[in-house]
Amino acid sequence: GGGGSYISRGAFESNPQGYFSGLHAAEKGNK
């Protein structure tokens, strides 16, 4: 696992909001 937490620079630049929303969702799921 862990691959889902990685995002390419191009993908991040094209959709930073989606990246951060996914990041926060992952943090909540780990608690």
Protein backbone atom coordinates (compact mmCIF):
# COMPACT_ATOMS: atom_id res chain seq x y z
CA GLY A 1 0.00 0.00 0.00
CA GLY A 2 0.92 3.64 0.20
CA GLY A 3 0.85 4.19 -3.57
CA GLY A 4 -2.48 6.01 -3.31
CA SER A 5 -0.89 8.71 -1.15
CA TYR A 6 1.53 9.64 -3.93
CA ILE A 7 0.60 12.14 -6.63
CA SER A 8 2.67 13.40 -9.53
CA ARG A 9 3.53 17.08 -9.79
CA GLY A 10 1.46 17.36 -12.97
CA ALA A 11 -1.58 15.79 -11.33
CA PHE A 12 -1.22 18.06 -8.31
CA GLU A 13 -0.94 21.20 -10.45
CA SER A 14 -3.98 20.15 -12.50
CA ASN A 15 -6.13 19.45 -9.43
CA PRO A 16 -4.60 20.77 -6.16
CA GLN A 17 -8.00 20.98 -4.44
CA GLY A 18 -8.72 17.32 -5.11
CA TYR A 19 -5.25 16.41 -3.86
CA PHE A 20 -5.64 18.27 -0.58
CA SER A 21 -9.18 16.98 -0.01
CA GLY A 22 -7.87 13.44 -0.47
CA LEU A 23 -4.94 14.17 1.80
CA HIS A 24 -7.19 15.35 4.65
CA ALA A 25 -9.54 12.41 4.13
CA ALA A 26 -6.59 10.02 4.46
CA GLU A 27 -5.44 11.73 7.66
CA LYS A 28 -8.91 11.37 9.20
CA GLY A 29 -9.05 7.71 8.18
CA ASN A 30 -5.73 6.96 9.89
CA LYS A 31 -6.94 8.19 13.30
